Amino acid sequence: MRRVAFLLIFGLAGTALLVGLGVWQVQRLNWKAAILAEIDSRISGPAIALPADPDPARDRYLGVEVTGEILPGEVLVLVSRKQIGAGYRVIAPFLTGDGRRILLDRGFIRAADRDAPRDTGPVTVTGNLDWPREIDRFTPAPDLDGGVWFARDVPAMAQALGTDPVLLVARTGTGPDPMPVDSSGIPNDHLNYAITWFSLAAIWAAMTGYFLWRNRARTEGDRT
């Protein structure tokens, strides 16, 4: 009897724990979906003037329209695009009409076009502010001699190009093919996690039932 009670308690406790983890992941799924919806709303919202003092937390993804001048000089960030292959994001210094210098992500060029001339000068750009989180401990340092960067490190790029640490990612064409901000790179894997936990709960419950049945069958066999 004690063995049955132990198996029952252990089985119910394990199943409840796994179901609880699955429910928690469903809650996280809804939370993340709401965040992504808010991000998409900010990305597609109407463009406004560049804030006087852009804040990375408050103004990330904010739609902005600025008139100014693309200045000479750029850094190239190595990227890859589906069905195209390797290429570069072109990051250039941009002088706004009110005299501020910011970074402008002009978009994508193919690797073969690296040394092709790109227009500079007056332009009106519509885009979104972003402070990408692309740096981790595995990211190589920029190849300054080769002119290649491996991630958009806004403070470091700003220092290299003599701008404020503010990045405007163009929606409209500025020469290269635009790579506008979107939420597709923000993962929301909580549904997969929830399915995993609920599946484990079902397996745990089934195994508990099996062990209880086997214990009962063994007990009845001993009696006979």
N, C-alpha and C. Protein backbone atom coordinates (compact mmCIF):
# COMPACT_ATOMS: atom_id res chain seq x y z
N MET A 1 0.83 -1.20 0.00
CA MET A 1 0.00 0.00 0.00
C MET A 1 0.87 1.26 0.00
N ARG A 2 1.95 1.22 0.79
CA ARG A 2 2.83 2.36 0.83
C ARG A 2 3.49 2.61 -0.53
N ARG A 3 3.82 1.52 -1.21
CA ARG A 3 4.43 1.65 -2.54
C ARG A 3 3.46 2.31 -3.51
N VAL A 4 2.21 1.90 -3.45
CA VAL A 4 1.20 2.49 -4.33
C VAL A 4 1.03 3.97 -4.03
N ALA A 5 0.97 4.31 -2.74
CA ALA A 5 0.81 5.71 -2.35
C ALA A 5 2.00 6.54 -2.83
N PHE A 6 3.20 5.98 -2.68
CA PHE A 6 4.40 6.71 -3.12
C PHE A 6 4.36 6.94 -4.63
N LEU A 7 4.03 5.87 -5.40
CA LEU A 7 3.97 6.02 -6.85
C LEU A 7 2.90 7.04 -7.26
N LEU A 8 1.77 7.01 -6.58
CA LEU A 8 0.69 7.93 -6.92
C LEU A 8 1.07 9.37 -6.62
N ILE A 9 1.62 9.59 -5.44
CA ILE A 9 2.02 10.96 -5.06
C ILE A 9 3.13 11.47 -5.98
N PHE A 10 4.14 10.63 -6.21
CA PHE A 10 5.25 11.00 -7.07
C PHE A 10 4.78 11.30 -8.49
N GLY A 11 3.88 10.45 -8.99
CA GLY A 11 3.37 10.64 -10.35
C GLY A 11 2.54 11.89 -10.48
N LEU A 12 1.64 12.13 -9.51
CA LEU A 12 0.79 13.32 -9.56
C LEU A 12 1.63 14.59 -9.41
N ALA A 13 2.60 14.56 -8.51
CA ALA A 13 3.44 15.74 -8.30
C ALA A 13 4.25 16.07 -9.55
N GLY A 14 4.84 15.05 -10.17
CA GLY A 14 5.61 15.28 -11.38
C GLY A 14 4.75 15.79 -12.52
N THR A 15 3.56 15.18 -12.68
CA THR A 15 2.65 15.62 -13.74
C THR A 15 2.22 17.06 -13.51
N ALA A 16 1.87 17.40 -12.27
CA ALA A 16 1.44 18.76 -11.96
C ALA A 16 2.56 19.76 -12.23
N LEU A 17 3.80 19.40 -11.88
CA LEU A 17 4.92 20.29 -12.12
C LEU A 17 5.11 20.54 -13.62
N LEU A 18 5.07 19.48 -14.41
CA LEU A 18 5.27 19.60 -15.85
C LEU A 18 4.12 20.37 -16.51
N VAL A 19 2.89 20.13 -16.07
CA VAL A 19 1.76 20.90 -16.60
C VAL A 19 1.91 22.37 -16.23
N GLY A 20 2.36 22.63 -14.99
CA GLY A 20 2.57 24.02 -14.58
C GLY A 20 3.60 24.73 -15.44
N LEU A 21 4.69 24.01 -15.79
CA LEU A 21 5.69 24.60 -16.66
C LEU A 21 5.12 24.87 -18.05
N GLY A 22 4.26 23.97 -18.53
CA GLY A 22 3.61 24.19 -19.82
C GLY A 22 2.69 25.41 -19.80
N VAL A 23 1.92 25.55 -18.72
CA VAL A 23 1.04 26.71 -18.59
C VAL A 23 1.86 27.99 -18.53
N TRP A 24 2.98 27.95 -17.82
CA TRP A 24 3.85 29.13 -17.73
C TRP A 24 4.37 29.52 -19.10
N GLN A 25 4.71 28.54 -19.93
CA GLN A 25 5.19 28.85 -21.27
C GLN A 25 4.06 29.42 -22.14
N VAL A 26 2.84 28.98 -21.95
CA VAL A 26 1.71 29.57 -22.68
C VAL A 26 1.54 31.04 -22.27
N GLN A 27 1.69 31.31 -20.98
CA GLN A 27 1.62 32.70 -20.51
C GLN A 27 2.74 33.52 -21.11
N ARG A 28 3.95 32.95 -21.17
CA ARG A 28 5.08 33.64 -21.78
C ARG A 28 4.84 33.86 -23.28
N LEU A 29 4.20 32.90 -23.92
CA LEU A 29 3.87 33.03 -25.34
C LEU A 29 2.97 34.25 -25.57
N ASN A 30 1.94 34.38 -24.75
CA ASN A 30 1.03 35.52 -24.89
C ASN A 30 1.74 36.84 -24.59
N TRP A 31 2.61 36.81 -23.56
CA TRP A 31 3.37 38.01 -23.21
C TRP A 31 4.28 38.43 -24.35
N LYS A 32 4.98 37.46 -24.96
CA LYS A 32 5.90 37.77 -26.04
C LYS A 32 5.14 38.23 -27.28
N ALA A 33 3.98 37.63 -27.55
CA ALA A 33 3.18 38.04 -28.70
C ALA A 33 2.73 39.49 -28.55
N ALA A 34 2.38 39.88 -27.33
CA ALA A 34 1.97 41.27 -27.09
C ALA A 34 3.14 42.23 -27.32
N ILE A 35 4.34 41.83 -26.87
CA ILE A 35 5.51 42.66 -27.09
C ILE A 35 5.80 42.82 -28.58
N LEU A 36 5.72 41.71 -29.32
CA LEU A 36 5.98 41.77 -30.76
C LEU A 36 4.95 42.63 -31.47
N ALA A 37 3.70 42.54 -31.03
CA ALA A 37 2.66 43.39 -31.63
C ALA A 37 2.96 44.86 -31.39
N GLU A 38 3.42 45.18 -30.18
CA GLU A 38 3.77 46.57 -29.87
C GLU A 38 4.96 47.03 -30.71
N ILE A 39 5.96 46.16 -30.88
CA ILE A 39 7.12 46.49 -31.70
C ILE A 39 6.70 46.73 -33.14
N ASP A 40 5.85 45.84 -33.69
CA ASP A 40 5.39 46.00 -35.06
C ASP A 40 4.62 47.30 -35.23
N SER A 41 3.84 47.66 -34.21
CA SER A 41 3.09 48.91 -34.26
C SER A 41 4.03 50.11 -34.31
N ARG A 42 5.12 50.05 -33.51
CA ARG A 42 6.08 51.15 -33.52
C ARG A 42 6.84 51.21 -34.85
N ILE A 43 7.18 50.05 -35.38
CA ILE A 43 7.93 50.02 -36.64
C ILE A 43 7.12 50.61 -37.78
N SER A 44 5.86 50.25 -37.85
CA SER A 44 5.02 50.69 -38.97
C SER A 44 4.30 52.00 -38.71
N GLY A 45 4.51 52.59 -37.54
CA GLY A 45 3.84 53.83 -37.21
C GLY A 45 4.34 55.00 -38.05
N PRO A 46 3.64 56.12 -38.01
CA PRO A 46 4.04 57.29 -38.80
C PRO A 46 5.40 57.81 -38.37
N ALA A 47 6.18 58.25 -39.35
CA ALA A 47 7.51 58.77 -39.06
C ALA A 47 7.39 60.19 -38.51
N ILE A 48 8.19 60.49 -37.49
CA ILE A 48 8.21 61.80 -36.87
C ILE A 48 9.62 62.37 -36.97
N ALA A 49 9.77 63.60 -36.48
CA ALA A 49 11.10 64.21 -36.48
C ALA A 49 12.02 63.49 -35.50
N LEU A 50 13.30 63.53 -35.78
CA LEU A 50 14.28 62.91 -34.90
C LEU A 50 14.22 63.56 -33.52
N PRO A 51 14.02 62.77 -32.44
CA PRO A 51 13.99 63.37 -31.11
C PRO A 51 15.28 64.13 -30.79
N ALA A 52 15.16 65.12 -29.92
CA ALA A 52 16.32 65.92 -29.56
C ALA A 52 17.38 65.09 -28.86
N ASP A 53 16.96 64.14 -28.05
CA ASP A 53 17.90 63.31 -27.29
C ASP A 53 17.40 61.87 -27.33
N PRO A 54 17.64 61.16 -28.43
CA PRO A 54 17.12 59.79 -28.57
C PRO A 54 17.61 58.89 -27.45
N ASP A 55 16.68 58.07 -26.94
CA ASP A 55 16.99 57.16 -25.84
C ASP A 55 16.89 55.72 -26.34
N PRO A 56 17.92 54.89 -26.12
CA PRO A 56 17.89 53.52 -26.64
C PRO A 56 16.71 52.70 -26.15
N ALA A 57 16.26 52.91 -24.93
CA ALA A 57 15.13 52.13 -24.40
C ALA A 57 13.81 52.69 -24.88
N ARG A 58 13.66 54.00 -24.79
CA ARG A 58 12.38 54.63 -25.11
C ARG A 58 12.12 54.70 -26.61
N ASP A 59 13.16 54.95 -27.40
CA ASP A 59 12.97 55.28 -28.81
C ASP A 59 13.37 54.18 -29.78
N ARG A 60 13.71 53.00 -29.27
CA ARG A 60 14.05 51.92 -30.19
C ARG A 60 12.85 51.58 -31.06
N TYR A 61 13.09 51.45 -32.37
CA TYR A 61 12.09 51.15 -33.40
C TYR A 61 11.24 52.37 -33.78
N LEU A 62 11.48 53.52 -33.21
CA LEU A 62 10.68 54.70 -33.52
C LEU A 62 10.85 55.09 -34.98
N GLY A 63 9.73 55.34 -35.66
CA GLY A 63 9.77 55.81 -37.04
C GLY A 63 10.19 57.27 -37.10
N VAL A 64 11.17 57.55 -37.95
CA VAL A 64 11.76 58.89 -38.01
C VAL A 64 11.96 59.28 -39.48
N GLU A 65 11.75 60.57 -39.76
CA GLU A 65 12.09 61.12 -41.07
C GLU A 65 13.03 62.30 -40.87
N VAL A 66 14.16 62.27 -41.55
CA VAL A 66 15.15 63.35 -41.42
C VAL A 66 15.61 63.79 -42.80
N THR A 67 15.88 65.08 -42.89
CA THR A 67 16.49 65.65 -44.09
C THR A 67 17.89 66.10 -43.72
N GLY A 68 18.82 65.76 -44.57
CA GLY A 68 20.19 66.13 -44.28
C GLY A 68 21.10 65.70 -45.41
N GLU A 69 22.30 65.27 -45.03
CA GLU A 69 23.33 64.97 -46.02
C GLU A 69 24.09 63.72 -45.63
N ILE A 70 24.17 62.77 -46.57
CA ILE A 70 25.02 61.61 -46.37
C ILE A 70 26.46 62.04 -46.59
N LEU A 71 27.31 61.84 -45.59
CA LEU A 71 28.69 62.28 -45.65
C LEU A 71 29.60 61.18 -46.19
N PRO A 72 30.75 61.54 -46.70
CA PRO A 72 31.72 60.52 -47.12
C PRO A 72 32.20 59.70 -45.93
N GLY A 73 32.65 58.50 -46.23
CA GLY A 73 33.11 57.58 -45.19
C GLY A 73 32.01 56.60 -44.83
N GLU A 74 32.39 55.39 -44.53
CA GLU A 74 31.40 54.36 -44.19
C GLU A 74 32.11 53.19 -43.54
N VAL A 75 31.32 52.37 -42.86
CA VAL A 75 31.81 51.07 -42.42
C VAL A 75 30.89 50.01 -43.04
N LEU A 76 31.46 48.86 -43.30
CA LEU A 76 30.72 47.76 -43.93
C LEU A 76 30.58 46.63 -42.92
N VAL A 77 29.34 46.21 -42.70
CA VAL A 77 29.05 45.14 -41.74
C VAL A 77 28.69 43.89 -42.52
N LEU A 78 29.44 42.83 -42.31
CA LEU A 78 29.23 41.59 -43.05
C LEU A 78 27.90 40.95 -42.66
N VAL A 79 27.06 40.64 -43.66
CA VAL A 79 25.78 39.98 -43.45
C VAL A 79 25.56 38.99 -44.58
N SER A 80 24.50 38.22 -44.45
CA SER A 80 24.10 37.29 -45.50
C SER A 80 22.59 37.36 -45.67
N ARG A 81 22.13 37.33 -46.91
CA ARG A 81 20.70 37.38 -47.19
C ARG A 81 20.29 36.11 -47.92
N LYS A 82 19.10 35.62 -47.57
CA LYS A 82 18.60 34.41 -48.21
C LYS A 82 18.48 34.63 -49.71
N GLN A 83 18.86 33.61 -50.45
CA GLN A 83 18.79 33.57 -51.91
C GLN A 83 19.70 34.59 -52.59
N ILE A 84 20.50 35.30 -51.81
CA ILE A 84 21.44 36.25 -52.39
C ILE A 84 22.86 35.88 -52.01
N GLY A 85 23.07 35.65 -50.72
CA GLY A 85 24.40 35.28 -50.26
C GLY A 85 25.04 36.39 -49.46
N ALA A 86 26.35 36.35 -49.40
CA ALA A 86 27.10 37.28 -48.56
C ALA A 86 27.09 38.68 -49.15
N GLY A 87 27.15 39.64 -48.26
CA GLY A 87 27.22 41.04 -48.65
C GLY A 87 27.48 41.88 -47.43
N TYR A 88 27.14 43.16 -47.53
CA TYR A 88 27.44 44.08 -46.45
C TYR A 88 26.27 45.05 -46.22
N ARG A 89 26.08 45.40 -44.95
CA ARG A 89 25.29 46.58 -44.61
C ARG A 89 26.22 47.79 -44.70
N VAL A 90 25.74 48.85 -45.34
CA VAL A 90 26.53 50.07 -45.48
C VAL A 90 26.09 51.06 -44.40
N ILE A 91 26.98 51.39 -43.49
CA ILE A 91 26.70 52.33 -42.42
C ILE A 91 27.51 53.60 -42.69
N ALA A 92 26.81 54.72 -42.85
CA ALA A 92 27.47 55.97 -43.22
C ALA A 92 27.16 57.05 -42.20
N PRO A 93 28.02 58.06 -42.09
CA PRO A 93 27.68 59.22 -41.25
C PRO A 93 26.66 60.09 -41.97
N PHE A 94 25.74 60.64 -41.20
CA PHE A 94 24.66 61.46 -41.76
C PHE A 94 24.57 62.75 -40.97
N LEU A 95 24.59 63.88 -41.68
CA LEU A 95 24.49 65.19 -41.05
C LEU A 95 23.06 65.68 -41.21
N THR A 96 22.37 65.83 -40.09
CA THR A 96 20.97 66.27 -40.14
C THR A 96 20.90 67.78 -40.38
N GLY A 97 19.69 68.23 -40.72
CA GLY A 97 19.50 69.64 -41.02
C GLY A 97 19.80 70.56 -39.86
N ASP A 98 19.69 70.03 -38.62
CA ASP A 98 19.97 70.86 -37.45
C ASP A 98 21.40 70.66 -36.92
N GLY A 99 22.24 70.02 -37.74
CA GLY A 99 23.65 69.98 -37.42
C GLY A 99 24.11 68.78 -36.62
N ARG A 100 23.26 67.80 -36.40
CA ARG A 100 23.69 66.62 -35.65
C ARG A 100 24.26 65.57 -36.61
N ARG A 101 25.20 64.82 -36.13
CA ARG A 101 25.78 63.73 -36.91
C ARG A 101 25.32 62.40 -36.30
N ILE A 102 24.65 61.59 -37.10
CA ILE A 102 24.17 60.28 -36.65
C ILE A 102 24.64 59.22 -37.64
N LEU A 103 24.41 57.97 -37.29
CA LEU A 103 24.71 56.86 -38.18
C LEU A 103 23.49 56.55 -39.04
N LEU A 104 23.74 56.25 -40.31
CA LEU A 104 22.68 55.87 -41.23
C LEU A 104 22.98 54.49 -41.80
N ASP A 105 22.08 53.53 -41.53
CA ASP A 105 22.17 52.20 -42.14
C ASP A 105 21.49 52.30 -43.50
N ARG A 106 22.31 52.40 -44.55
CA ARG A 106 21.77 52.65 -45.89
C ARG A 106 21.15 51.40 -46.51
N GLY A 107 21.56 50.22 -46.05
CA GLY A 107 21.02 48.98 -46.60
C GLY A 107 22.11 48.04 -47.07
N PHE A 108 21.73 47.14 -47.96
CA PHE A 108 22.56 45.99 -48.34
C PHE A 108 23.19 46.19 -49.71
N ILE A 109 24.45 45.77 -49.80
CA ILE A 109 25.12 45.65 -51.10
C ILE A 109 25.70 44.25 -51.20
N ARG A 110 25.79 43.74 -52.41
CA ARG A 110 26.43 42.45 -52.63
C ARG A 110 27.94 42.58 -52.42
N ALA A 111 28.55 41.46 -52.12
CA ALA A 111 29.99 41.47 -51.86
C ALA A 111 30.76 42.01 -53.07
N ALA A 112 30.26 41.71 -54.27
CA ALA A 112 30.96 42.16 -55.48
C ALA A 112 30.90 43.68 -55.65
N ASP A 113 29.95 44.33 -54.98
CA ASP A 113 29.79 45.78 -55.13
C ASP A 113 30.47 46.56 -54.01
N ARG A 114 31.30 45.89 -53.26
CA ARG A 114 31.93 46.54 -52.12
C ARG A 114 32.67 47.81 -52.50
N ASP A 115 33.42 47.79 -53.58
CA ASP A 115 34.25 48.93 -53.96
C ASP A 115 33.57 49.86 -54.96
N ALA A 116 32.32 49.60 -55.27
CA ALA A 116 31.61 50.49 -56.19
C ALA A 116 31.32 51.83 -55.53
N PRO A 117 31.35 52.93 -56.28
CA PRO A 117 31.07 54.24 -55.66
C PRO A 117 29.60 54.34 -55.24
N ARG A 118 29.38 55.03 -54.13
CA ARG A 118 28.01 55.23 -53.63
C ARG A 118 27.78 56.73 -53.45
N ASP A 119 26.58 57.15 -53.86
CA ASP A 119 26.26 58.57 -53.82
C ASP A 119 26.25 59.08 -52.39
N THR A 120 26.70 60.30 -52.22
CA THR A 120 26.55 61.02 -50.97
C THR A 120 25.83 62.33 -51.28
N GLY A 121 25.61 63.14 -50.25
CA GLY A 121 24.97 64.42 -50.49
C GLY A 121 23.59 64.51 -49.88
N PRO A 122 22.83 65.57 -50.26
CA PRO A 122 21.52 65.83 -49.65
C PRO A 122 20.50 64.73 -49.95
N VAL A 123 19.70 64.39 -48.95
CA VAL A 123 18.68 63.37 -49.10
C VAL A 123 17.71 63.45 -47.92
N THR A 124 16.48 63.03 -48.15
CA THR A 124 15.51 62.85 -47.06
C THR A 124 15.33 61.36 -46.84
N VAL A 125 15.49 60.95 -45.61
CA VAL A 125 15.46 59.51 -45.28
C VAL A 125 14.33 59.24 -44.30
N THR A 126 13.55 58.21 -44.59
CA THR A 126 12.56 57.69 -43.65
C THR A 126 13.05 56.33 -43.16
N GLY A 127 13.03 56.13 -41.85
CA GLY A 127 13.49 54.87 -41.30
C GLY A 127 13.10 54.71 -39.85
N ASN A 128 13.81 53.85 -39.18
CA ASN A 128 13.53 53.56 -37.77
C ASN A 128 14.82 53.60 -36.97
N LEU A 129 14.73 54.18 -35.78
CA LEU A 129 15.87 54.16 -34.88
C LEU A 129 16.07 52.75 -34.34
N ASP A 130 17.33 52.38 -34.18
CA ASP A 130 17.59 51.05 -33.63
C ASP A 130 18.95 51.06 -32.95
N TRP A 131 19.04 50.28 -31.91
CA TRP A 131 20.29 49.99 -31.22
C TRP A 131 20.41 48.47 -31.18
N PRO A 132 20.85 47.85 -32.29
CA PRO A 132 20.85 46.38 -32.40
C PRO A 132 21.69 45.73 -31.30
N ARG A 133 21.21 44.57 -30.87
CA ARG A 133 21.93 43.79 -29.86
C ARG A 133 22.56 42.59 -30.55
N GLU A 134 23.61 42.86 -31.28
CA GLU A 134 24.25 41.84 -32.10
C GLU A 134 25.60 41.38 -31.56
N ILE A 135 26.04 41.98 -30.49
CA ILE A 135 27.37 41.68 -29.96
C ILE A 135 27.27 40.65 -28.84
N ASP A 136 28.09 39.63 -28.91
CA ASP A 136 28.26 38.71 -27.79
C ASP A 136 29.75 38.36 -27.70
N ARG A 137 30.07 37.47 -26.77
CA ARG A 137 31.49 37.18 -26.55
C ARG A 137 32.13 36.41 -27.70
N PHE A 138 31.32 35.92 -28.64
CA PHE A 138 31.87 35.20 -29.78
C PHE A 138 32.05 36.10 -31.01
N THR A 139 31.59 37.35 -30.93
CA THR A 139 31.67 38.25 -32.08
C THR A 139 33.11 38.71 -32.28
N PRO A 140 33.68 38.49 -33.46
CA PRO A 140 35.06 38.95 -33.70
C PRO A 140 35.14 40.47 -33.65
N ALA A 141 36.30 40.97 -33.30
CA ALA A 141 36.55 42.40 -33.36
C ALA A 141 36.56 42.85 -34.82
N PRO A 142 36.21 44.10 -35.08
CA PRO A 142 36.22 44.59 -36.46
C PRO A 142 37.61 44.46 -37.10
N ASP A 143 37.59 44.13 -38.38
CA ASP A 143 38.83 44.10 -39.15
C ASP A 143 39.03 45.51 -39.71
N LEU A 144 39.67 46.35 -38.93
CA LEU A 144 39.80 47.76 -39.32
C LEU A 144 40.67 47.92 -40.56
N ASP A 145 41.69 47.10 -40.70
CA ASP A 145 42.54 47.19 -41.90
C ASP A 145 41.76 46.77 -43.14
N GLY A 146 40.96 45.73 -43.00
CA GLY A 146 40.18 45.27 -44.14
C GLY A 146 38.87 46.01 -44.32
N GLY A 147 38.51 46.84 -43.34
CA GLY A 147 37.29 47.64 -43.45
C GLY A 147 36.03 46.84 -43.27
N VAL A 148 36.09 45.73 -42.52
CA VAL A 148 34.92 44.86 -42.36
C VAL A 148 34.57 44.75 -40.87
N TRP A 149 33.30 44.92 -40.56
CA TRP A 149 32.78 44.71 -39.22
C TRP A 149 31.90 43.48 -39.25
N PHE A 150 31.70 42.86 -38.08
CA PHE A 150 30.95 41.62 -38.02
C PHE A 150 29.65 41.76 -37.24
N ALA A 151 29.36 42.95 -36.79
CA ALA A 151 28.10 43.24 -36.10
C ALA A 151 27.95 44.75 -36.05
N ARG A 152 26.70 45.19 -35.87
CA ARG A 152 26.45 46.62 -35.75
C ARG A 152 26.59 47.03 -34.28
N ASP A 153 27.78 47.42 -33.93
CA ASP A 153 28.08 47.91 -32.60
C ASP A 153 27.96 49.43 -32.65
N VAL A 154 26.81 49.96 -32.23
CA VAL A 154 26.53 51.37 -32.43
C VAL A 154 27.56 52.29 -31.78
N PRO A 155 27.90 52.09 -30.49
CA PRO A 155 28.91 52.99 -29.90
C PRO A 155 30.25 52.94 -30.64
N ALA A 156 30.69 51.76 -31.00
CA ALA A 156 31.99 51.63 -31.68
C ALA A 156 31.94 52.24 -33.08
N MET A 157 30.84 52.01 -33.81
CA MET A 157 30.73 52.60 -35.14
C MET A 157 30.65 54.12 -35.05
N ALA A 158 29.94 54.62 -34.04
CA ALA A 158 29.85 56.07 -33.86
C ALA A 158 31.23 56.67 -33.61
N GLN A 159 32.02 55.99 -32.81
CA GLN A 159 33.37 56.48 -32.54
C GLN A 159 34.21 56.46 -33.81
N ALA A 160 34.07 55.40 -34.61
CA ALA A 160 34.87 55.27 -35.82
C ALA A 160 34.50 56.34 -36.85
N LEU A 161 33.23 56.72 -36.90
CA LEU A 161 32.76 57.66 -37.92
C LEU A 161 32.53 59.07 -37.37
N GLY A 162 32.78 59.27 -36.09
CA GLY A 162 32.65 60.59 -35.52
C GLY A 162 31.22 61.09 -35.45
N THR A 163 30.30 60.23 -34.99
CA THR A 163 28.89 60.61 -34.90
C THR A 163 28.39 60.37 -33.48
N ASP A 164 27.15 60.79 -33.25
CA ASP A 164 26.46 60.41 -32.02
C ASP A 164 26.11 58.92 -32.10
N PRO A 165 25.97 58.24 -30.97
CA PRO A 165 25.62 56.81 -30.98
C PRO A 165 24.13 56.60 -31.23
N VAL A 166 23.69 57.03 -32.40
CA VAL A 166 22.29 56.94 -32.82
C VAL A 166 22.28 56.36 -34.22
N LEU A 167 21.54 55.27 -34.42
CA LEU A 167 21.49 54.60 -35.72
C LEU A 167 20.09 54.70 -36.30
N LEU A 168 20.00 55.25 -37.51
CA LEU A 168 18.75 55.29 -38.26
C LEU A 168 18.83 54.25 -39.37
N VAL A 169 17.94 53.27 -39.36
CA VAL A 169 17.92 52.21 -40.38
C VAL A 169 16.91 52.62 -41.44
N ALA A 170 17.38 52.84 -42.65
CA ALA A 170 16.55 53.39 -43.71
C ALA A 170 15.47 52.41 -44.16
N ARG A 171 14.26 52.93 -44.34
CA ARG A 171 13.20 52.18 -45.02
C ARG A 171 13.24 52.47 -46.51
N THR A 172 13.57 53.70 -46.86
CA THR A 172 13.59 54.15 -48.25
C THR A 172 14.99 54.00 -48.82
N GLY A 173 15.07 53.98 -50.12
CA GLY A 173 16.34 53.76 -50.78
C GLY A 173 17.30 54.92 -50.61
N THR A 174 18.54 54.60 -50.29
CA THR A 174 19.61 55.60 -50.21
C THR A 174 20.80 55.13 -51.03
N GLY A 175 20.53 54.36 -52.07
CA GLY A 175 21.58 53.78 -52.89
C GLY A 175 21.58 52.27 -52.77
N PRO A 176 22.05 51.71 -51.65
CA PRO A 176 21.95 50.27 -51.42
C PRO A 176 20.50 49.82 -51.24
N ASP A 177 20.30 48.50 -51.28
CA ASP A 177 18.98 47.92 -51.10
C ASP A 177 18.58 48.00 -49.63
N PRO A 178 17.48 48.68 -49.28
CA PRO A 178 17.15 48.84 -47.85
C PRO A 178 16.95 47.50 -47.15
N MET A 179 17.39 47.45 -45.91
CA MET A 179 17.12 46.32 -45.01
C MET A 179 16.43 46.89 -43.78
N PRO A 180 15.14 47.23 -43.90
CA PRO A 180 14.47 47.94 -42.81
C PRO A 180 14.32 47.09 -41.56
N VAL A 181 14.08 47.79 -40.46
CA VAL A 181 13.86 47.12 -39.19
C VAL A 181 12.58 46.31 -39.25
N ASP A 182 12.60 45.08 -38.74
CA ASP A 182 11.38 44.30 -38.56
C ASP A 182 11.55 43.40 -37.35
N SER A 183 10.48 42.73 -36.97
CA SER A 183 10.51 41.91 -35.76
C SER A 183 10.77 40.43 -36.05
N SER A 184 11.08 40.11 -37.31
CA SER A 184 11.24 38.69 -37.65
C SER A 184 12.44 38.05 -36.95
N GLY A 185 13.42 38.86 -36.58
CA GLY A 185 14.58 38.29 -35.92
C GLY A 185 14.43 38.13 -34.42
N ILE A 186 13.28 38.52 -33.88
CA ILE A 186 13.04 38.39 -32.44
C ILE A 186 12.34 37.05 -32.21
N PRO A 187 12.97 36.09 -31.56
CA PRO A 187 12.37 34.76 -31.45
C PRO A 187 11.19 34.73 -30.48
N ASN A 188 10.23 33.88 -30.82
CA ASN A 188 9.12 33.59 -29.90
C ASN A 188 8.89 32.08 -29.95
N ASP A 189 9.71 31.35 -29.20
CA ASP A 189 9.69 29.88 -29.24
C ASP A 189 8.88 29.27 -28.10
N HIS A 190 8.09 30.08 -27.42
CA HIS A 190 7.42 29.58 -26.22
C HIS A 190 6.36 28.52 -26.54
N LEU A 191 5.78 28.55 -27.75
CA LEU A 191 4.82 27.50 -28.11
C LEU A 191 5.52 26.14 -28.15
N ASN A 192 6.71 26.11 -28.74
CA ASN A 192 7.46 24.85 -28.79
C ASN A 192 7.81 24.36 -27.38
N TYR A 193 8.19 25.31 -26.51
CA TYR A 193 8.50 24.94 -25.14
C TYR A 193 7.26 24.39 -24.43
N ALA A 194 6.11 25.05 -24.65
CA ALA A 194 4.87 24.60 -24.02
C ALA A 194 4.51 23.19 -24.47
N ILE A 195 4.62 22.94 -25.78
CA ILE A 195 4.32 21.60 -26.30
C ILE A 195 5.24 20.57 -25.68
N THR A 196 6.51 20.92 -25.52
CA THR A 196 7.48 20.00 -24.91
C THR A 196 7.07 19.65 -23.49
N TRP A 197 6.74 20.67 -22.67
CA TRP A 197 6.37 20.41 -21.28
C TRP A 197 5.08 19.61 -21.17
N PHE A 198 4.08 19.95 -22.00
CA PHE A 198 2.82 19.21 -21.95
C PHE A 198 3.02 17.76 -22.41
N SER A 199 3.90 17.57 -23.40
CA SER A 199 4.19 16.21 -23.85
C SER A 199 4.87 15.40 -22.75
N LEU A 200 5.81 16.03 -22.06
CA LEU A 200 6.48 15.35 -20.95
C LEU A 200 5.49 15.03 -19.83
N ALA A 201 4.53 15.96 -19.60
CA ALA A 201 3.51 15.70 -18.57
C ALA A 201 2.67 14.49 -18.95
N ALA A 202 2.30 14.39 -20.24
CA ALA A 202 1.51 13.25 -20.69
C ALA A 202 2.30 11.95 -20.55
N ILE A 203 3.59 11.99 -20.91
CA ILE A 203 4.43 10.80 -20.78
C ILE A 203 4.58 10.40 -19.32
N TRP A 204 4.79 11.41 -18.46
CA TRP A 204 4.95 11.15 -17.02
C TRP A 204 3.68 10.50 -16.45
N ALA A 205 2.52 11.05 -16.85
CA ALA A 205 1.25 10.50 -16.36
C ALA A 205 1.05 9.08 -16.86
N ALA A 206 1.39 8.83 -18.12
CA ALA A 206 1.24 7.49 -18.68
C ALA A 206 2.16 6.50 -17.99
N MET A 207 3.40 6.90 -17.72
CA MET A 207 4.33 6.01 -17.02
C MET A 207 3.88 5.74 -15.59
N THR A 208 3.32 6.77 -14.94
CA THR A 208 2.79 6.56 -13.59
C THR A 208 1.66 5.53 -13.61
N GLY A 209 0.75 5.69 -14.58
CA GLY A 209 -0.34 4.73 -14.71
C GLY A 209 0.17 3.33 -14.98
N TYR A 210 1.22 3.24 -15.82
CA TYR A 210 1.77 1.92 -16.13
C TYR A 210 2.37 1.27 -14.89
N PHE A 211 3.15 2.04 -14.12
CA PHE A 211 3.77 1.47 -12.91
C PHE A 211 2.72 1.09 -11.87
N LEU A 212 1.64 1.87 -11.77
CA LEU A 212 0.58 1.51 -10.83
C LEU A 212 -0.12 0.23 -11.28
N TRP A 213 -0.35 0.12 -12.58
CA TRP A 213 -1.00 -1.10 -13.11
C TRP A 213 -0.09 -2.30 -12.90
N ARG A 214 1.21 -2.14 -13.17
CA ARG A 214 2.14 -3.26 -13.01
C ARG A 214 2.23 -3.67 -11.54
N ASN A 215 2.26 -2.68 -10.65
CA ASN A 215 2.32 -2.99 -9.23
C ASN A 215 1.06 -3.74 -8.79
N ARG A 216 -0.10 -3.31 -9.30
CA ARG A 216 -1.36 -4.00 -8.94
C ARG A 216 -1.36 -5.42 -9.48
N ALA A 217 -0.90 -5.57 -10.74
CA ALA A 217 -0.86 -6.92 -11.33
C ALA A 217 0.07 -7.83 -10.56
N ARG A 218 1.19 -7.30 -10.11
CA ARG A 218 2.15 -8.11 -9.35
C ARG A 218 1.56 -8.50 -8.00
N THR A 219 0.84 -7.56 -7.37
CA THR A 219 0.24 -7.84 -6.07
C THR A 219 -0.81 -8.93 -6.19
N GLU A 220 -1.66 -8.83 -7.23
CA GLU A 220 -2.68 -9.85 -7.43
C GLU A 220 -2.07 -11.19 -7.76
N GLY A 221 -0.93 -11.19 -8.48
CA GLY A 221 -0.25 -12.43 -8.80
C GLY A 221 0.30 -13.10 -7.56
N ASP A 222 0.83 -12.25 -6.64
CA ASP A 222 1.35 -12.82 -5.39
C ASP A 222 0.24 -13.47 -4.56
N ARG A 223 -0.95 -12.88 -4.62
CA ARG A 223 -2.06 -13.42 -3.84
C ARG A 223 -2.54 -14.79 -4.38
N THR A 224 -2.37 -14.96 -5.67
CA THR A 224 -2.79 -16.23 -6.25
C THR A 224 -1.69 -17.28 -6.15
